[in-house]
Amino acid sequence: MQNTWEKAFFRFGGNDSAEAAAEMLGKVRRFQYGISTSESSGESAHVIRAAPQSSQSASGNVGQSWSEREDYRVSVDKLAGLPIGEAILTIGARTYHVVTPLLRTPIDTLEADDPRRASYVFSPMRHPTRVPDGEQGLHFGQRYADFMAG
């Protein structure tokens, strides 16, 4: 379903959207190591005998275990609870939790009815799109089959 190497996931409106995003991010196998110890000791004496004979015992046990489980790379709860300005970014096999900055311009500090707002003019930036003389483009449109997987 996906065909992009980089994905950015921002705040979600509902839990079902977060679950779909967690499915897109994929799952990973996680290993968990556990160790447990136990000790016991006992002492007893026979009541019938008058001699101070008794028996003693002690035992100990150490157990180790490894378990493997498959979890989402990013949990559904973490995706659903992303605050404004934070995102989950995936680039290939790597996953990042990033905070995006809030960019403010001087016009953002002025009230809506402030007459100085009219003096701020924003225009789109224009970048050259022409290939310089003597150079060739990469012609991706004609060579798309070279980059298709499968």
N, C-alpha and C. Protein backbone atom coordinates (compact mmCIF):
# COMPACT_ATOMS: atom_id res chain seq x y z
N MET A 1 0.82 -1.19 0.00
CA MET A 1 0.00 0.00 0.00
C MET A 1 0.86 1.25 0.00
N GLN A 2 1.96 1.24 0.75
CA GLN A 2 2.80 2.43 0.79
C GLN A 2 3.91 2.30 -0.23
N ASN A 3 4.35 3.44 -0.73
CA ASN A 3 5.43 3.41 -1.70
C ASN A 3 6.43 4.53 -1.45
N THR A 4 6.44 5.07 -0.25
CA THR A 4 7.39 6.14 0.05
C THR A 4 8.36 5.68 1.12
N TRP A 5 9.57 6.17 1.04
CA TRP A 5 10.62 5.80 1.98
C TRP A 5 10.48 6.60 3.26
N GLU A 6 10.05 7.86 3.15
CA GLU A 6 9.87 8.70 4.33
C GLU A 6 8.38 8.90 4.59
N LYS A 7 8.01 8.82 5.86
CA LYS A 7 6.62 9.06 6.26
C LYS A 7 6.63 9.92 7.51
N ALA A 8 5.69 10.85 7.59
CA ALA A 8 5.54 11.69 8.78
C ALA A 8 4.11 11.54 9.27
N PHE A 9 3.96 11.25 10.55
CA PHE A 9 2.65 11.07 11.16
C PHE A 9 2.48 12.13 12.24
N PHE A 10 1.49 12.97 12.06
CA PHE A 10 1.20 14.03 13.02
C PHE A 10 0.02 13.60 13.89
N ARG A 11 -0.53 14.51 14.63
CA ARG A 11 -1.61 14.23 15.58
C ARG A 11 -2.83 13.64 14.86
N PHE A 12 -3.46 12.66 15.51
CA PHE A 12 -4.61 11.99 14.92
C PHE A 12 -5.88 12.39 15.66
N GLY A 13 -6.98 12.36 14.93
CA GLY A 13 -8.25 12.74 15.52
C GLY A 13 -8.89 11.63 16.32
N GLY A 14 -8.70 10.40 15.92
CA GLY A 14 -9.35 9.29 16.62
C GLY A 14 -8.42 8.12 16.80
N ASN A 15 -8.89 7.14 17.58
CA ASN A 15 -8.08 5.96 17.86
C ASN A 15 -7.95 5.06 16.65
N ASP A 16 -9.00 5.01 15.80
CA ASP A 16 -8.93 4.15 14.63
C ASP A 16 -7.88 4.64 13.65
N SER A 17 -7.71 5.96 13.54
CA SER A 17 -6.66 6.50 12.67
C SER A 17 -5.28 6.15 13.21
N ALA A 18 -5.13 6.20 14.52
CA ALA A 18 -3.84 5.85 15.13
C ALA A 18 -3.53 4.37 14.93
N GLU A 19 -4.55 3.52 14.97
CA GLU A 19 -4.32 2.10 14.73
C GLU A 19 -3.90 1.85 13.29
N ALA A 20 -4.51 2.56 12.35
CA ALA A 20 -4.12 2.41 10.94
C ALA A 20 -2.69 2.89 10.73
N ALA A 21 -2.31 3.98 11.41
CA ALA A 21 -0.94 4.48 11.30
C ALA A 21 0.05 3.50 11.91
N ALA A 22 -0.32 2.89 13.03
CA ALA A 22 0.57 1.90 13.66
C ALA A 22 0.77 0.70 12.74
N GLU A 23 -0.27 0.32 12.01
CA GLU A 23 -0.13 -0.76 11.04
C GLU A 23 0.81 -0.36 9.91
N MET A 24 0.72 0.89 9.46
CA MET A 24 1.61 1.37 8.40
C MET A 24 3.06 1.41 8.86
N LEU A 25 3.27 1.78 10.11
CA LEU A 25 4.63 1.83 10.64
C LEU A 25 5.22 0.44 10.79
N GLY A 26 4.39 -0.55 10.98
CA GLY A 26 4.86 -1.92 11.05
C GLY A 26 5.09 -2.41 12.46
N LYS A 27 5.51 -3.66 12.53
CA LYS A 27 5.75 -4.30 13.82
C LYS A 27 7.21 -4.70 13.91
N VAL A 28 7.62 -4.95 15.14
CA VAL A 28 9.00 -5.36 15.41
C VAL A 28 8.98 -6.44 16.48
N ARG A 29 9.93 -7.35 16.41
CA ARG A 29 10.03 -8.38 17.44
C ARG A 29 10.90 -7.86 18.57
N ARG A 30 10.40 -8.00 19.77
CA ARG A 30 11.13 -7.55 20.96
C ARG A 30 11.39 -8.76 21.85
N PHE A 31 12.59 -8.79 22.39
CA PHE A 31 12.98 -9.86 23.30
C PHE A 31 12.98 -9.32 24.72
N GLN A 32 12.54 -10.15 25.64
CA GLN A 32 12.50 -9.76 27.05
C GLN A 32 13.19 -10.85 27.86
N TYR A 33 14.09 -10.43 28.73
CA TYR A 33 14.86 -11.35 29.55
C TYR A 33 14.31 -11.30 30.96
N GLY A 34 14.13 -12.45 31.56
CA GLY A 34 13.63 -12.51 32.93
C GLY A 34 14.49 -13.44 33.76
N ILE A 35 14.69 -13.09 35.00
CA ILE A 35 15.44 -13.94 35.91
C ILE A 35 14.68 -14.00 37.22
N SER A 36 14.63 -15.17 37.81
CA SER A 36 13.94 -15.32 39.09
C SER A 36 14.79 -16.20 39.99
N THR A 37 14.76 -15.89 41.27
CA THR A 37 15.50 -16.68 42.26
C THR A 37 14.56 -17.04 43.39
N SER A 38 14.83 -18.18 43.99
CA SER A 38 14.06 -18.57 45.17
C SER A 38 14.97 -19.37 46.09
N GLU A 39 14.77 -19.19 47.36
CA GLU A 39 15.53 -19.93 48.36
C GLU A 39 14.57 -20.41 49.43
N SER A 40 14.89 -21.57 49.98
CA SER A 40 14.08 -22.07 51.09
C SER A 40 14.98 -22.89 52.01
N SER A 41 14.62 -22.90 53.24
CA SER A 41 15.35 -23.71 54.22
C SER A 41 14.36 -24.23 55.25
N GLY A 42 14.71 -25.34 55.83
CA GLY A 42 13.81 -25.93 56.83
C GLY A 42 14.61 -26.61 57.92
N GLU A 43 14.00 -26.70 59.05
CA GLU A 43 14.63 -27.34 60.20
C GLU A 43 13.54 -28.06 60.97
N SER A 44 13.85 -29.28 61.36
CA SER A 44 12.86 -30.03 62.12
C SER A 44 13.57 -30.88 63.17
N ALA A 45 12.86 -31.19 64.21
CA ALA A 45 13.37 -32.07 65.28
C ALA A 45 12.27 -33.06 65.62
N HIS A 46 12.67 -34.28 65.90
CA HIS A 46 11.69 -35.29 66.25
C HIS A 46 11.25 -35.07 67.69
N VAL A 47 10.00 -35.06 67.93
CA VAL A 47 9.45 -34.78 69.26
C VAL A 47 9.59 -36.00 70.17
N ILE A 48 9.54 -37.18 69.63
CA ILE A 48 9.53 -38.39 70.45
C ILE A 48 10.89 -38.63 71.10
N ARG A 49 11.94 -38.34 70.42
CA ARG A 49 13.27 -38.62 70.95
C ARG A 49 13.69 -37.56 71.96
N ALA A 50 14.42 -37.98 72.92
CA ALA A 50 14.93 -37.05 73.92
C ALA A 50 16.25 -36.43 73.48
N ALA A 51 16.93 -37.09 72.55
CA ALA A 51 18.21 -36.56 72.07
C ALA A 51 17.96 -35.35 71.16
N PRO A 52 18.90 -34.45 71.16
CA PRO A 52 18.69 -33.26 70.33
C PRO A 52 19.03 -33.50 68.86
N GLN A 53 18.54 -34.59 68.32
CA GLN A 53 18.78 -34.84 66.91
C GLN A 53 17.74 -34.07 66.09
N SER A 54 18.21 -33.51 65.04
CA SER A 54 17.29 -32.76 64.18
C SER A 54 17.77 -32.89 62.74
N SER A 55 16.97 -32.46 61.85
CA SER A 55 17.38 -32.45 60.44
C SER A 55 17.21 -31.03 59.89
N GLN A 56 18.13 -30.70 59.05
CA GLN A 56 18.09 -29.37 58.43
C GLN A 56 18.18 -29.55 56.92
N SER A 57 17.56 -28.64 56.21
CA SER A 57 17.64 -28.68 54.75
C SER A 57 17.61 -27.25 54.22
N ALA A 58 18.25 -27.08 53.11
CA ALA A 58 18.25 -25.78 52.43
C ALA A 58 18.26 -26.03 50.93
N SER A 59 17.60 -25.19 50.21
CA SER A 59 17.58 -25.33 48.75
C SER A 59 17.50 -23.95 48.12
N GLY A 60 17.99 -23.87 46.93
CA GLY A 60 17.94 -22.61 46.17
C GLY A 60 17.67 -22.91 44.71
N ASN A 61 17.14 -21.94 44.03
CA ASN A 61 16.77 -22.13 42.64
C ASN A 61 16.94 -20.81 41.90
N VAL A 62 17.50 -20.86 40.72
CA VAL A 62 17.63 -19.69 39.86
C VAL A 62 17.05 -20.07 38.51
N GLY A 63 16.18 -19.24 37.99
CA GLY A 63 15.58 -19.49 36.69
C GLY A 63 15.78 -18.31 35.76
N GLN A 64 16.07 -18.61 34.51
CA GLN A 64 16.22 -17.57 33.49
C GLN A 64 15.25 -17.87 32.37
N SER A 65 14.74 -16.82 31.78
CA SER A 65 13.81 -17.03 30.66
C SER A 65 13.95 -15.89 29.66
N TRP A 66 13.77 -16.23 28.43
CA TRP A 66 13.72 -15.27 27.33
C TRP A 66 12.34 -15.40 26.70
N SER A 67 11.73 -14.28 26.43
CA SER A 67 10.46 -14.33 25.72
C SER A 67 10.53 -13.37 24.54
N GLU A 68 9.79 -13.71 23.52
CA GLU A 68 9.77 -12.91 22.31
C GLU A 68 8.33 -12.55 22.01
N ARG A 69 8.11 -11.29 21.69
CA ARG A 69 6.76 -10.87 21.33
C ARG A 69 6.85 -9.85 20.20
N GLU A 70 5.77 -9.75 19.46
CA GLU A 70 5.72 -8.83 18.34
C GLU A 70 4.84 -7.65 18.72
N ASP A 71 5.43 -6.46 18.70
CA ASP A 71 4.73 -5.23 19.05
C ASP A 71 4.81 -4.26 17.89
N TYR A 72 3.94 -3.25 17.95
CA TYR A 72 4.05 -2.16 16.98
C TYR A 72 5.34 -1.39 17.23
N ARG A 73 5.94 -0.88 16.16
CA ARG A 73 7.16 -0.07 16.32
C ARG A 73 6.87 1.15 17.17
N VAL A 74 5.71 1.75 16.97
CA VAL A 74 5.24 2.86 17.80
C VAL A 74 3.85 2.46 18.29
N SER A 75 3.62 2.53 19.59
CA SER A 75 2.35 2.06 20.14
C SER A 75 1.19 2.95 19.70
N VAL A 76 0.02 2.35 19.68
CA VAL A 76 -1.19 3.08 19.30
C VAL A 76 -1.44 4.22 20.28
N ASP A 77 -1.20 3.98 21.56
CA ASP A 77 -1.42 5.02 22.57
C ASP A 77 -0.49 6.21 22.35
N LYS A 78 0.75 5.95 21.97
CA LYS A 78 1.69 7.04 21.73
C LYS A 78 1.28 7.84 20.50
N LEU A 79 0.81 7.15 19.46
CA LEU A 79 0.36 7.85 18.26
C LEU A 79 -0.91 8.66 18.53
N ALA A 80 -1.83 8.10 19.30
CA ALA A 80 -3.08 8.81 19.59
C ALA A 80 -2.84 9.99 20.52
N GLY A 81 -1.79 9.93 21.35
CA GLY A 81 -1.53 10.99 22.31
C GLY A 81 -0.50 12.01 21.86
N LEU A 82 -0.19 12.05 20.57
CA LEU A 82 0.79 13.04 20.11
C LEU A 82 0.24 14.45 20.30
N PRO A 83 0.97 15.32 20.98
CA PRO A 83 0.50 16.70 21.11
C PRO A 83 0.74 17.48 19.82
N ILE A 84 0.16 18.65 19.76
CA ILE A 84 0.35 19.51 18.60
C ILE A 84 1.82 19.89 18.51
N GLY A 85 2.36 19.81 17.32
CA GLY A 85 3.75 20.17 17.11
C GLY A 85 4.73 19.01 17.20
N GLU A 86 4.25 17.81 17.49
CA GLU A 86 5.13 16.65 17.53
C GLU A 86 4.70 15.68 16.44
N ALA A 87 5.66 14.91 15.96
CA ALA A 87 5.39 13.98 14.87
C ALA A 87 6.27 12.74 15.02
N ILE A 88 5.83 11.67 14.40
CA ILE A 88 6.63 10.46 14.28
C ILE A 88 7.09 10.42 12.83
N LEU A 89 8.39 10.36 12.64
CA LEU A 89 8.98 10.40 11.30
C LEU A 89 9.71 9.09 11.07
N THR A 90 9.44 8.45 9.94
CA THR A 90 10.16 7.23 9.60
C THR A 90 10.91 7.48 8.31
N ILE A 91 12.17 7.08 8.33
CA ILE A 91 13.00 7.13 7.13
C ILE A 91 13.61 5.74 7.00
N GLY A 92 13.08 4.99 6.07
CA GLY A 92 13.54 3.61 5.92
C GLY A 92 13.17 2.79 7.13
N ALA A 93 14.17 2.16 7.75
CA ALA A 93 13.93 1.32 8.92
C ALA A 93 14.04 2.10 10.21
N ARG A 94 14.39 3.36 10.16
CA ARG A 94 14.58 4.16 11.38
C ARG A 94 13.34 4.98 11.69
N THR A 95 13.06 5.12 12.97
CA THR A 95 11.89 5.86 13.44
C THR A 95 12.36 6.95 14.39
N TYR A 96 11.83 8.16 14.20
CA TYR A 96 12.21 9.30 15.03
C TYR A 96 10.97 9.96 15.60
N HIS A 97 11.07 10.44 16.83
CA HIS A 97 10.04 11.26 17.46
C HIS A 97 10.56 12.69 17.42
N VAL A 98 9.95 13.53 16.59
CA VAL A 98 10.46 14.88 16.38
C VAL A 98 9.47 15.92 16.89
N VAL A 99 10.01 17.06 17.26
CA VAL A 99 9.20 18.21 17.67
C VAL A 99 9.38 19.26 16.58
N THR A 100 8.28 19.65 15.98
CA THR A 100 8.35 20.65 14.92
C THR A 100 8.18 22.03 15.54
N PRO A 101 9.00 22.99 15.14
CA PRO A 101 8.91 24.31 15.75
C PRO A 101 7.70 25.08 15.23
N LEU A 102 7.21 25.98 16.05
CA LEU A 102 6.14 26.88 15.65
C LEU A 102 6.79 28.13 15.08
N LEU A 103 6.65 28.31 13.80
CA LEU A 103 7.25 29.47 13.14
C LEU A 103 6.27 30.63 13.20
N ARG A 104 6.76 31.71 13.73
CA ARG A 104 5.91 32.90 13.83
C ARG A 104 6.55 34.02 13.02
N THR A 105 5.71 34.78 12.36
CA THR A 105 6.16 35.96 11.61
C THR A 105 5.68 37.19 12.35
N PRO A 106 6.22 38.34 12.04
CA PRO A 106 5.77 39.56 12.73
C PRO A 106 4.27 39.82 12.59
N ILE A 107 3.68 39.37 11.51
CA ILE A 107 2.25 39.60 11.32
C ILE A 107 1.43 38.80 12.33
N ASP A 108 1.98 37.69 12.83
CA ASP A 108 1.27 36.88 13.82
C ASP A 108 1.12 37.59 15.16
N THR A 109 1.97 38.55 15.44
CA THR A 109 1.91 39.26 16.72
C THR A 109 0.91 40.40 16.71
N LEU A 110 0.40 40.77 15.55
CA LEU A 110 -0.53 41.90 15.44
C LEU A 110 -1.97 41.41 15.55
N GLU A 111 -2.82 42.26 16.06
CA GLU A 111 -4.25 41.96 16.13
C GLU A 111 -4.84 41.97 14.72
N ALA A 112 -6.01 41.37 14.56
CA ALA A 112 -6.63 41.26 13.24
C ALA A 112 -7.01 42.61 12.66
N ASP A 113 -7.37 43.58 13.51
CA ASP A 113 -7.79 44.88 12.99
C ASP A 113 -6.66 45.92 13.01
N ASP A 114 -5.44 45.52 13.24
CA ASP A 114 -4.30 46.45 13.26
C ASP A 114 -4.00 46.92 11.84
N PRO A 115 -3.91 48.23 11.61
CA PRO A 115 -3.66 48.73 10.25
C PRO A 115 -2.26 48.37 9.73
N ARG A 116 -1.35 48.03 10.61
CA ARG A 116 0.00 47.69 10.15
C ARG A 116 0.04 46.33 9.44
N ARG A 117 -1.02 45.54 9.58
CA ARG A 117 -1.06 44.24 8.90
C ARG A 117 -1.02 44.40 7.39
N ALA A 118 -1.56 45.50 6.89
CA ALA A 118 -1.59 45.72 5.44
C ALA A 118 -0.20 45.93 4.86
N SER A 119 0.75 46.37 5.69
CA SER A 119 2.10 46.64 5.18
C SER A 119 2.91 45.35 4.96
N TYR A 120 2.45 44.25 5.56
CA TYR A 120 3.16 42.98 5.36
C TYR A 120 2.62 42.30 4.12
N VAL A 121 3.49 42.05 3.18
CA VAL A 121 3.10 41.38 1.94
C VAL A 121 3.98 40.14 1.80
N PHE A 122 3.34 39.00 1.69
CA PHE A 122 4.07 37.76 1.48
C PHE A 122 3.79 37.27 0.08
N SER A 123 4.83 36.91 -0.61
CA SER A 123 4.67 36.38 -1.96
C SER A 123 5.44 35.06 -2.05
N PRO A 124 4.99 34.18 -2.90
CA PRO A 124 5.69 32.90 -3.01
C PRO A 124 7.09 33.08 -3.60
N MET A 125 8.00 32.24 -3.14
CA MET A 125 9.36 32.28 -3.68
C MET A 125 9.39 31.54 -5.00
N ARG A 126 10.13 32.06 -5.93
CA ARG A 126 10.27 31.42 -7.24
C ARG A 126 11.70 30.90 -7.38
N HIS A 127 11.80 29.64 -7.72
CA HIS A 127 13.11 29.03 -7.93
C HIS A 127 13.26 28.71 -9.41
N PRO A 128 14.48 28.79 -9.92
CA PRO A 128 14.67 28.48 -11.35
C PRO A 128 14.35 27.01 -11.61
N THR A 129 13.58 26.77 -12.64
CA THR A 129 13.20 25.40 -12.98
C THR A 129 13.77 24.98 -14.33
N ARG A 130 14.56 25.83 -14.93
CA ARG A 130 15.13 25.54 -16.24
C ARG A 130 16.49 24.88 -16.05
N VAL A 131 16.79 23.88 -16.88
CA VAL A 131 18.09 23.22 -16.84
C VAL A 131 19.09 24.15 -17.52
N PRO A 132 20.23 24.41 -16.88
CA PRO A 132 21.22 25.30 -17.49
C PRO A 132 21.73 24.75 -18.82
N ASP A 133 22.22 25.64 -19.66
CA ASP A 133 22.74 25.24 -20.97
C ASP A 133 23.93 24.30 -20.79
N GLY A 134 23.99 23.29 -21.62
CA GLY A 134 25.09 22.34 -21.58
C GLY A 134 24.89 21.20 -20.60
N GLU A 135 23.81 21.19 -19.83
CA GLU A 135 23.54 20.11 -18.89
C GLU A 135 22.25 19.40 -19.27
N GLN A 136 22.16 18.14 -18.90
CA GLN A 136 20.96 17.37 -19.20
C GLN A 136 20.23 17.03 -17.92
N GLY A 137 18.93 16.90 -18.02
CA GLY A 137 18.14 16.48 -16.89
C GLY A 137 18.24 14.97 -16.69
N LEU A 138 17.65 14.47 -15.62
CA LEU A 138 17.72 13.04 -15.33
C LEU A 138 16.64 12.23 -16.03
N HIS A 139 15.60 12.87 -16.54
CA HIS A 139 14.53 12.22 -17.30
C HIS A 139 13.91 11.05 -16.54
N PHE A 140 13.50 11.31 -15.32
CA PHE A 140 12.89 10.27 -14.51
C PHE A 140 11.58 9.78 -15.11
N GLY A 141 10.85 10.66 -15.77
CA GLY A 141 9.58 10.27 -16.36
C GLY A 141 9.74 9.19 -17.42
N GLN A 142 10.81 9.23 -18.15
CA GLN A 142 11.05 8.23 -19.19
C GLN A 142 11.72 6.98 -18.64
N ARG A 143 12.40 7.08 -17.49
CA ARG A 143 13.16 5.96 -16.93
C ARG A 143 12.49 5.37 -15.68
N TYR A 144 11.19 5.56 -15.53
CA TYR A 144 10.54 5.11 -14.30
C TYR A 144 10.65 3.60 -14.10
N ALA A 145 10.68 2.83 -15.17
CA ALA A 145 10.75 1.37 -15.05
C ALA A 145 12.07 0.92 -14.42
N ASP A 146 13.12 1.72 -14.55
CA ASP A 146 14.42 1.36 -13.95
C ASP A 146 14.36 1.41 -12.42
N PHE A 147 13.43 2.16 -11.88
CA PHE A 147 13.38 2.37 -10.44
C PHE A 147 12.25 1.60 -9.75
N MET A 148 11.46 0.87 -10.52
CA MET A 148 10.36 0.11 -9.95
C MET A 148 10.88 -1.19 -9.34
N ALA A 149 10.36 -1.52 -8.18
CA ALA A 149 10.74 -2.78 -7.53
C ALA A 149 9.82 -3.89 -8.00
N GLY A 150 10.36 -5.06 -8.19
CA GLY A 150 9.54 -6.22 -8.51
C GLY A 150 9.38 -6.53 -9.93
